[in-house]
Amino acid sequence: MEKRRFWNYENKLVALFFFSIGFVFFDRLAINYLVPFIQKDFSLTNTQIGLLGSALAITWTLSGPLGGYLSDRAKSKKVILAIFVLGFSLISLLHGIVASFAMLFFCRLIMGLVEGPITPITQSVLAIESSEKRRGFNVGLTMNTGNAVFGSFLAPLVIVALANAFDWRTAFYLTIIPGIILAIFILKVMKNPKVSEEAVISPAASADKVSFKDVIKHRNIWLSIIMFSFFMTYVMAFNIFGPNFLVNAKGFSESTMSLIMAAFGAGFAILGVLVPAISDRVGRKPITIIFGAFSIFTPLAVYYVDSVALMIPLVFLFSSGMGAGALYMSVIPAESVPVRYAGVAVGLVIGFGEFFGGFINPILSGMAADAFGLGAPLFISAGGAALAFFFSLFLKETAPVKVVMNQKINNVITEL
C-alpha cells in the first residue's frame, strides 16, 4: 500500500488558506487594538468607533455573497483569490496616510469590498477539497486558528507594541509585503477544483437537481444565517468595544489590555481548531450547542472579573465557543447543499451575518455605550451569543459520519 505523503495537496491548501485567512483578520482587527491611539488623534466618539467597524461590515455584506457566487461560477478561482488578497493589502496600507475620520471611514468601506470575497472562496474550496474525516479540522485550522493566531493573538501584541514604539500609522505600512507573497503562493500552489453539478460533500445534502430557491428554503441555511448573525453580534461587540472597556472603564494599561485580548486569541487559536475537529467525530449539532453556550460568558468575564490573573484563563477557556462559529459560517451550510451551491451558501451566511452582526450591531453598540456606558456593548455581546446558542438547538445534523450512523440505525429500526 502506498504511504500517503504528509505534504499532499490537501495539507498545502490548508497551510495556504491558514495564512490567507490569518492575514485578512490581522488587517481587519488591527484597527480595534489601535482605537485608544486613533481616538486621541481624531477625538472619536464611541458611535464613530462603532461606525468604523460597521463600514467594513456593510461592504462585506455585499461582497461576501458576490465572492461565493464567483467561487461557484468562475473558471479560475485562484486568480480571483490572488487579486483580492493583493487588493486588500494595498487598501490596508492606505489606512496609514489618512488625515481624518472621514478618510478612515472610506478606507474601511473599500477594505470590506476586497476582503469580503476571500472567506467564501477559501472556505467553499476547502470544503470541496477536504477529505471527509478532516473537513471540520481543516476549516477550524484555517478559519479559527489562522484568524486567531494572526488577528486575535499576534495583532494585539504586535500592533500595540508598534504603536507604542512608533505610532499607530506604522502598523498599516507593513501589510503590502505579505500580501504580495501570499498572492504569488496562491497562484503557484492552488488548483481550481473540478466537481460535477450533482456532487455533494455530505449525505445530508440532496444529490437531486435543486434550484437556488431550494437552497434558500433549506432549514440549515436560514438557521445558519440567523446563528451567524447573532454570533457576529457577539464577536464584533466584544472585539470592537472590549479593548476600549478594559482601558477606559477598568483602568488597565494598553499593555494589560493587549494581554487579555491575546488570551482570547490564544484560546481561539488552540480550542477553535479542536472544537470543529471533535465535530467530525461526534456531529456538528452537539458541538454547536455545547460550545456555543461557552461564548455567552466571554464578555461577562471581562465585565465582572477585576483580577487580571483570573480574567485571562477565563477568557481563554470561554473563547472555545469560537469553534462553533466556523461550523455556523461554512461547514454546516456547505454540507447542507450540493457542491455547486456551496460557495453561494457560505457567502449568504457571511453576508447576512456581516450586515446584522457586523454593520447594524456596532452602530447600536456604540450608541448604547455613549448612552449607558462602555459596559453596554459587552451585554449586547453576551445576548448575541445566547441567541446563537438557542437557534443551534434546531439544526439538522450534517457531519457525514453522524448522518451515515443515523441512517444505519434508522434502517435497523425499520427492518425490526
Protein backbone atom coordinates (compact mmCIF):
# COMPACT_ATOMS: atom_id res chain seq x y z
CA MET A 1 0.00 0.00 0.00
CA GLU A 2 1.36 3.40 -0.98
CA LYS A 3 2.09 5.57 2.04
CA ARG A 4 0.28 8.88 1.95
CA ARG A 5 2.62 11.85 1.96
CA PHE A 6 2.14 14.49 4.64
CA TRP A 7 2.83 17.38 2.27
CA ASN A 8 -0.01 16.45 -0.09
CA TYR A 9 -2.27 18.92 -1.87
CA GLU A 10 -4.86 18.98 0.90
CA ASN A 11 -2.28 19.97 3.50
CA LYS A 12 -0.69 22.52 1.17
CA LEU A 13 -4.10 24.10 0.65
CA VAL A 14 -4.79 24.16 4.39
CA ALA A 15 -1.44 25.86 5.02
CA LEU A 16 -2.04 28.40 2.25
CA PHE A 17 -5.52 29.29 3.49
CA PHE A 18 -4.29 29.39 7.09
CA PHE A 19 -2.01 32.31 6.23
CA SER A 20 -4.52 33.91 3.83
CA ILE A 21 -7.35 33.99 6.37
CA GLY A 22 -4.95 34.93 9.15
CA PHE A 23 -3.66 37.90 7.21
CA VAL A 24 -7.22 39.05 6.39
CA PHE A 25 -8.16 39.15 10.06
CA PHE A 26 -4.84 40.65 11.14
CA ASP A 27 -5.72 43.63 8.95
CA ARG A 28 -9.40 43.65 9.85
CA LEU A 29 -8.93 43.53 13.63
CA ALA A 30 -5.79 45.68 13.85
CA ILE A 31 -7.85 48.86 13.99
CA ASN A 32 -9.67 47.65 17.13
CA TYR A 33 -6.42 47.49 19.09
CA LEU A 34 -5.38 50.88 17.74
CA VAL A 35 -8.64 52.61 18.74
CA PRO A 36 -7.20 54.01 22.00
CA PHE A 37 -4.41 55.63 19.93
CA ILE A 38 -6.56 56.77 16.98
CA GLN A 39 -9.23 58.13 19.33
CA LYS A 40 -6.74 60.60 20.76
CA ASP A 41 -5.72 61.89 17.30
CA PHE A 42 -9.21 62.22 15.84
CA SER A 43 -11.26 62.76 19.06
CA LEU A 44 -13.57 59.87 18.17
CA THR A 45 -16.86 59.25 19.95
CA ASN A 46 -17.96 55.69 20.76
CA THR A 47 -20.54 55.98 17.99
CA GLN A 48 -17.77 56.80 15.50
CA ILE A 49 -15.75 53.83 16.73
CA GLY A 50 -18.77 51.65 16.05
CA LEU A 51 -19.13 53.21 12.59
CA LEU A 52 -15.56 52.19 11.68
CA GLY A 53 -16.48 48.57 12.38
CA SER A 54 -19.77 48.93 10.54
CA ALA A 55 -18.19 50.49 7.45
CA LEU A 56 -16.16 47.39 6.69
CA ALA A 57 -19.03 45.09 7.59
CA ILE A 58 -21.56 46.70 5.25
CA THR A 59 -19.31 46.21 2.23
CA TRP A 60 -18.52 42.66 3.41
CA THR A 61 -22.30 42.17 3.33
CA LEU A 62 -22.31 42.91 -0.39
CA SER A 63 -19.02 41.33 -1.40
CA GLY A 64 -19.39 38.13 0.69
CA PRO A 65 -22.26 36.66 -1.37
CA LEU A 66 -20.59 38.01 -4.52
CA GLY A 67 -17.43 36.12 -3.58
CA GLY A 68 -19.47 32.96 -3.07
CA TYR A 69 -21.10 33.41 -6.48
CA LEU A 70 -17.71 33.94 -8.12
CA SER A 71 -16.37 30.86 -6.35
CA ASP A 72 -19.18 28.75 -7.79
CA ARG A 73 -19.06 30.20 -11.32
CA ALA A 74 -15.50 31.33 -12.04
CA LYS A 75 -13.21 29.17 -14.14
CA SER A 76 -10.10 30.29 -12.26
CA LYS A 77 -10.80 30.71 -8.57
CA LYS A 78 -7.12 31.06 -7.75
CA VAL A 79 -6.65 34.13 -9.97
CA ILE A 80 -9.66 35.85 -8.40
CA LEU A 81 -8.45 34.98 -4.91
CA ALA A 82 -4.93 36.28 -5.61
CA ILE A 83 -6.35 39.58 -6.91
CA PHE A 84 -8.47 40.12 -3.81
CA VAL A 85 -5.57 39.28 -1.45
CA LEU A 86 -3.30 41.78 -3.16
CA GLY A 87 -6.10 44.35 -3.29
CA PHE A 88 -6.88 44.41 0.42
CA SER A 89 -3.15 44.65 1.19
CA LEU A 90 -2.95 47.85 -0.83
CA ILE A 91 -6.04 49.32 0.84
CA SER A 92 -4.71 48.43 4.29
CA LEU A 93 -1.51 50.34 3.55
CA LEU A 94 -3.59 53.43 2.71
CA HIS A 95 -5.01 53.45 6.27
CA GLY A 96 -1.66 54.77 7.43
CA ILE A 97 -1.94 58.04 5.50
CA VAL A 98 -5.47 59.09 6.45
CA ALA A 99 -5.87 62.57 7.93
CA SER A 100 -9.45 62.46 9.23
CA PHE A 101 -12.24 60.22 10.44
CA ALA A 102 -13.98 60.57 7.06
CA MET A 103 -10.93 59.28 5.19
CA LEU A 104 -10.53 56.39 7.64
CA PHE A 105 -14.22 55.54 7.24
CA PHE A 106 -13.86 55.50 3.44
CA CYS A 107 -10.82 53.19 3.64
CA ARG A 108 -12.84 50.77 5.79
CA LEU A 109 -15.61 50.72 3.17
CA ILE A 110 -13.18 49.85 0.37
CA MET A 111 -11.39 47.31 2.56
CA GLY A 112 -14.65 45.41 3.05
CA LEU A 113 -15.23 45.21 -0.71
CA VAL A 114 -11.91 43.49 -1.38
CA GLU A 115 -11.75 41.37 1.80
CA GLY A 116 -15.32 40.06 1.72
CA PRO A 117 -14.93 37.52 -1.12
CA ILE A 118 -11.82 35.89 0.36
CA THR A 119 -13.57 33.91 3.10
CA PRO A 120 -16.36 32.32 1.00
CA ILE A 121 -13.90 31.49 -1.79
CA THR A 122 -11.35 29.84 0.51
CA GLN A 123 -13.88 28.06 2.72
CA SER A 124 -16.03 26.67 -0.10
CA VAL A 125 -12.93 25.43 -1.95
CA LEU A 126 -11.63 23.89 1.27
CA ALA A 127 -14.97 22.17 1.95
CA ILE A 128 -14.78 20.58 -1.51
CA GLU A 129 -11.10 19.59 -1.38
CA SER A 130 -11.04 18.31 2.23
CA SER A 131 -11.25 14.61 3.00
CA GLU A 132 -14.48 13.68 4.74
CA LYS A 133 -12.95 12.97 8.16
CA ARG A 134 -10.95 16.21 8.21
CA ARG A 135 -13.40 18.84 6.98
CA GLY A 136 -14.16 20.25 10.40
CA PHE A 137 -10.49 20.19 11.40
CA ASN A 138 -9.36 21.88 8.18
CA VAL A 139 -11.96 24.62 8.41
CA GLY A 140 -11.24 25.08 12.12
CA LEU A 141 -7.49 25.36 11.49
CA THR A 142 -7.83 27.91 8.68
CA MET A 143 -10.87 29.90 9.77
CA ASN A 144 -10.36 29.78 13.53
CA THR A 145 -6.69 29.17 14.24
CA GLY A 146 -5.48 31.26 11.30
CA ASN A 147 -7.88 34.02 12.28
CA ALA A 148 -6.96 33.78 15.95
CA VAL A 149 -3.17 33.46 15.65
CA PHE A 150 -2.89 36.50 13.41
CA GLY A 151 -6.00 38.55 14.24
CA SER A 152 -6.58 37.93 17.94
CA PHE A 153 -3.19 36.82 19.30
CA LEU A 154 -0.39 38.38 17.24
CA ALA A 155 -2.29 41.53 16.25
CA PRO A 156 -2.85 42.95 19.76
CA LEU A 157 0.73 42.17 20.76
CA VAL A 158 2.46 43.34 17.57
CA ILE A 159 0.14 46.24 16.77
CA VAL A 160 0.16 47.77 20.26
CA ALA A 161 3.94 47.31 20.51
CA LEU A 162 4.46 49.10 17.19
CA ALA A 163 2.08 51.89 18.17
CA ASN A 164 3.92 52.39 21.46
CA ALA A 165 7.35 52.27 19.81
CA PHE A 166 6.49 54.42 16.78
CA ASP A 167 2.88 55.46 16.12
CA TRP A 168 -0.38 53.80 15.07
CA ARG A 169 0.16 54.54 11.37
CA THR A 170 3.30 52.38 11.20
CA ALA A 171 1.33 49.14 11.61
CA PHE A 172 -0.61 49.78 8.39
CA TYR A 173 2.56 50.28 6.35
CA LEU A 174 3.70 46.69 6.87
CA THR A 175 0.88 44.91 5.05
CA ILE A 176 1.89 45.12 1.40
CA ILE A 177 4.84 42.69 1.58
CA PRO A 178 2.99 39.65 2.98
CA GLY A 179 0.11 40.42 0.61
CA ILE A 180 2.38 40.12 -2.42
CA ILE A 181 3.94 36.91 -1.09
CA LEU A 182 0.53 35.32 -0.45
CA ALA A 183 -0.77 36.25 -3.91
CA ILE A 184 2.25 34.57 -5.52
CA PHE A 185 1.79 31.38 -3.47
CA ILE A 186 -1.93 31.23 -4.27
CA LEU A 187 -1.17 31.32 -8.00
CA LYS A 188 1.59 28.74 -7.59
CA VAL A 189 0.01 26.22 -5.20
CA MET A 190 -3.77 26.40 -5.55
CA LYS A 191 -5.67 24.34 -8.15
CA ASN A 192 -9.15 25.01 -9.45
CA PRO A 193 -11.41 22.24 -8.04
CA LYS A 194 -13.21 20.02 -10.55
CA VAL A 195 -16.61 18.74 -9.43
CA SER A 196 -19.82 17.66 -11.13
CA GLU A 197 -23.02 19.65 -10.69
CA GLU A 198 -24.67 16.77 -8.82
CA ALA A 199 -21.78 16.23 -6.37
CA VAL A 200 -22.38 16.59 -2.61
CA ILE A 201 -19.90 16.63 0.26
CA SER A 202 -22.27 15.17 2.85
CA PRO A 203 -25.10 12.62 2.60
CA ALA A 204 -27.20 15.22 4.43
CA ALA A 205 -27.41 17.17 1.15
CA SER A 206 -29.69 16.02 -1.64
CA ALA A 207 -27.93 14.86 -4.80
CA ASP A 208 -31.10 15.57 -6.79
CA LYS A 209 -31.25 18.59 -9.03
CA VAL A 210 -32.22 21.56 -6.89
CA SER A 211 -32.67 25.25 -7.62
CA PHE A 212 -31.25 28.25 -5.83
CA LYS A 213 -34.71 28.79 -4.31
CA ASP A 214 -34.49 25.32 -2.75
CA VAL A 215 -31.15 26.26 -1.21
CA ILE A 216 -32.64 29.36 0.42
CA LYS A 217 -35.55 27.32 1.79
CA HIS A 218 -33.26 24.74 3.42
CA ARG A 219 -33.68 24.83 7.19
CA ASN A 220 -29.95 24.68 7.89
CA ILE A 221 -29.22 27.59 5.56
CA TRP A 222 -31.57 30.08 7.16
CA LEU A 223 -30.71 28.77 10.62
CA SER A 224 -27.01 29.28 9.79
CA ILE A 225 -27.80 32.82 8.64
CA ILE A 226 -29.60 33.57 11.92
CA MET A 227 -26.97 31.89 14.10
CA PHE A 228 -24.04 33.54 12.36
CA SER A 229 -25.73 36.94 12.53
CA PHE A 230 -26.04 36.63 16.32
CA PHE A 231 -22.58 35.08 16.55
CA MET A 232 -21.14 38.09 14.70
CA THR A 233 -23.02 40.34 17.14
CA TYR A 234 -21.16 38.57 19.95
CA VAL A 235 -17.75 38.70 18.27
CA MET A 236 -17.87 42.24 16.90
CA ALA A 237 -19.27 43.87 20.04
CA PHE A 238 -16.60 42.13 22.10
CA ASN A 239 -13.67 42.76 19.73
CA ILE A 240 -14.55 46.41 18.98
CA PHE A 241 -15.50 47.58 22.47
CA GLY A 242 -13.70 45.07 24.70
CA PRO A 243 -10.28 46.76 24.38
CA ASN A 244 -11.80 50.19 25.00
CA PHE A 245 -13.73 48.93 28.04
CA LEU A 246 -10.59 47.40 29.55
CA VAL A 247 -8.60 50.62 29.16
CA ASN A 248 -11.20 53.33 29.83
CA ALA A 249 -13.64 51.59 32.20
CA LYS A 250 -11.48 49.05 34.02
CA GLY A 251 -8.48 51.38 34.06
CA PHE A 252 -5.99 48.82 32.74
CA SER A 253 -2.98 49.91 30.70
CA GLU A 254 -2.87 49.31 26.95
CA SER A 255 -0.28 46.58 27.53
CA THR A 256 -2.51 44.76 30.04
CA MET A 257 -5.43 45.08 27.64
CA SER A 258 -3.33 43.52 24.90
CA LEU A 259 -2.50 40.54 27.13
CA ILE A 260 -6.18 39.91 27.94
CA MET A 261 -7.21 40.15 24.30
CA ALA A 262 -4.26 37.95 23.35
CA ALA A 263 -5.56 35.33 25.81
CA PHE A 264 -8.82 35.34 23.86
CA GLY A 265 -6.77 34.97 20.68
CA ALA A 266 -4.70 32.12 22.09
CA GLY A 267 -7.83 30.20 23.16
CA PHE A 268 -9.41 30.94 19.81
CA ALA A 269 -6.32 29.54 18.05
CA ILE A 270 -5.96 26.36 20.10
CA LEU A 271 -9.51 25.48 21.12
CA GLY A 272 -11.00 26.91 17.92
CA VAL A 273 -9.46 24.09 15.88
CA LEU A 274 -10.12 21.33 18.41
CA VAL A 275 -13.85 22.05 18.62
CA PRO A 276 -14.58 21.65 14.85
CA ALA A 277 -12.25 18.62 14.77
CA ILE A 278 -14.32 16.97 17.50
CA SER A 279 -17.44 17.70 15.45
CA ASP A 280 -16.01 15.48 12.68
CA ARG A 281 -16.42 12.56 15.10
CA VAL A 282 -19.47 13.35 17.21
CA GLY A 283 -21.50 15.60 14.91
CA ARG A 284 -21.95 19.32 14.23
CA LYS A 285 -25.12 19.89 16.26
CA PRO A 286 -23.98 18.77 19.74
CA ILE A 287 -20.76 20.77 19.37
CA THR A 288 -22.58 23.98 18.39
CA ILE A 289 -24.87 23.55 21.40
CA ILE A 290 -22.18 22.80 24.00
CA PHE A 291 -19.51 25.26 22.93
CA GLY A 292 -21.95 27.87 21.66
CA ALA A 293 -23.04 28.24 25.28
CA PHE A 294 -19.43 28.99 26.32
CA SER A 295 -19.40 32.17 24.21
CA ILE A 296 -22.03 33.77 26.44
CA PHE A 297 -19.55 34.01 29.31
CA THR A 298 -16.61 35.66 27.48
CA PRO A 299 -17.86 39.28 27.67
CA LEU A 300 -19.37 38.66 31.10
CA ALA A 301 -15.97 37.59 32.44
CA VAL A 302 -14.42 40.82 31.14
CA TYR A 303 -17.20 42.89 32.72
CA TYR A 304 -17.49 41.24 36.14
CA VAL A 305 -13.98 39.93 36.89
CA ASP A 306 -11.50 42.51 38.19
CA SER A 307 -8.49 40.23 38.67
CA VAL A 308 -6.29 40.08 35.59
CA ALA A 309 -4.85 36.75 36.79
CA LEU A 310 -8.37 35.24 36.82
CA MET A 311 -9.71 37.05 33.78
CA ILE A 312 -7.01 35.73 31.44
CA PRO A 313 -7.68 31.97 31.97
CA LEU A 314 -11.46 32.52 31.89
CA VAL A 315 -11.29 34.42 28.61
CA PHE A 316 -9.01 31.69 27.24
CA LEU A 317 -11.46 28.93 28.23
CA PHE A 318 -14.63 30.63 27.03
CA SER A 319 -13.04 31.50 23.68
CA SER A 320 -13.56 27.82 22.77
CA GLY A 321 -17.03 28.93 21.68
CA MET A 322 -15.37 30.43 18.61
CA GLY A 323 -15.13 26.87 17.30
CA ALA A 324 -18.91 26.82 16.90
CA GLY A 325 -18.70 29.95 14.73
CA ALA A 326 -16.76 28.15 11.98
CA LEU A 327 -19.47 25.49 11.89
CA TYR A 328 -22.23 28.11 11.63
CA MET A 329 -20.39 30.01 8.93
CA SER A 330 -19.09 27.43 6.48
CA VAL A 331 -19.13 23.75 7.43
CA ILE A 332 -22.87 23.33 8.06
CA PRO A 333 -24.02 25.44 5.05
CA ALA A 334 -21.55 23.72 2.68
CA GLU A 335 -22.59 20.26 3.88
CA SER A 336 -26.29 21.06 3.55
CA VAL A 337 -26.39 21.78 -0.21
CA PRO A 338 -24.96 20.37 -3.47
CA VAL A 339 -21.36 21.35 -4.16
CA ARG A 340 -22.33 23.76 -6.96
CA TYR A 341 -24.12 25.90 -4.38
CA ALA A 342 -21.51 25.61 -1.61
CA GLY A 343 -19.83 28.95 -2.32
CA VAL A 344 -23.01 31.00 -2.53
CA ALA A 345 -24.45 29.24 0.57
CA VAL A 346 -21.38 30.19 2.59
CA GLY A 347 -21.39 33.68 1.04
CA LEU A 348 -25.04 34.27 2.00
CA VAL A 349 -24.40 33.25 5.60
CA ILE A 350 -21.39 35.57 5.77
CA GLY A 351 -23.23 38.40 4.02
CA PHE A 352 -26.25 38.43 6.32
CA GLY A 353 -24.02 37.86 9.36
CA GLU A 354 -21.90 40.84 8.42
CA PHE A 355 -24.95 43.04 7.85
CA PHE A 356 -26.70 42.37 11.14
CA GLY A 357 -23.78 41.44 13.39
CA GLY A 358 -21.04 43.44 11.72
CA PHE A 359 -22.85 46.53 10.39
CA ILE A 360 -26.02 47.17 12.42
CA ASN A 361 -24.64 45.87 15.71
CA PRO A 362 -21.51 48.10 16.06
CA ILE A 363 -23.58 51.23 15.41
CA LEU A 364 -26.17 50.27 18.03
CA SER A 365 -23.45 49.09 20.41
CA GLY A 366 -21.62 52.41 20.02
CA MET A 367 -24.81 54.34 20.67
CA ALA A 368 -25.53 52.14 23.70
CA ALA A 369 -22.00 52.81 25.01
CA ASP A 370 -22.49 56.57 24.66
CA ALA A 371 -25.91 56.39 26.33
CA PHE A 372 -25.41 53.76 29.04
CA GLY A 373 -21.66 53.35 29.46
CA LEU A 374 -18.88 51.23 27.99
CA GLY A 375 -20.25 48.06 29.59
CA ALA A 376 -23.41 48.08 27.43
CA PRO A 377 -21.74 46.54 24.34
CA LEU A 378 -20.50 43.64 26.45
CA PHE A 379 -24.06 42.77 27.45
CA ILE A 380 -25.10 43.06 23.80
CA SER A 381 -22.24 40.67 23.00
CA ALA A 382 -23.44 38.14 25.59
CA GLY A 383 -27.00 38.44 24.30
CA GLY A 384 -25.90 37.70 20.73
CA ALA A 385 -24.06 34.57 21.88
CA ALA A 386 -27.11 33.40 23.85
CA LEU A 387 -29.41 33.75 20.82
CA ALA A 388 -26.94 31.91 18.53
CA PHE A 389 -26.90 29.09 21.09
CA PHE A 390 -30.72 28.98 21.18
CA PHE A 391 -31.15 28.60 17.42
CA SER A 392 -28.47 25.89 17.25
CA LEU A 393 -30.95 23.62 19.05
CA PHE A 394 -32.97 23.36 15.82
CA LEU A 395 -30.17 22.36 13.40
CA LYS A 396 -30.30 19.29 11.20
CA GLU A 397 -27.13 17.19 11.54
CA THR A 398 -24.72 17.30 8.56
CA ALA A 399 -21.49 15.59 9.71
CA PRO A 400 -21.06 12.65 7.26
CA VAL A 401 -20.04 10.14 9.94
CA LYS A 402 -23.03 11.04 12.09
CA VAL A 403 -25.52 11.13 9.19
CA VAL A 404 -24.41 7.68 7.97
CA MET A 405 -24.64 6.29 11.50
CA ASN A 406 -28.15 7.70 11.94
CA GLN A 407 -29.20 6.22 8.59
CA LYS A 408 -27.93 2.79 9.62
CA ILE A 409 -29.78 2.99 12.92
CA ASN A 410 -32.98 4.01 11.14
CA ASN A 411 -32.59 1.12 8.69
CA VAL A 412 -32.19 -1.35 11.54
CA ILE A 413 -35.25 0.03 13.31
CA THR A 414 -37.26 -0.15 10.05
CA GLU A 415 -36.25 -3.79 9.50
CA LEU A 416 -37.31 -4.70 13.05
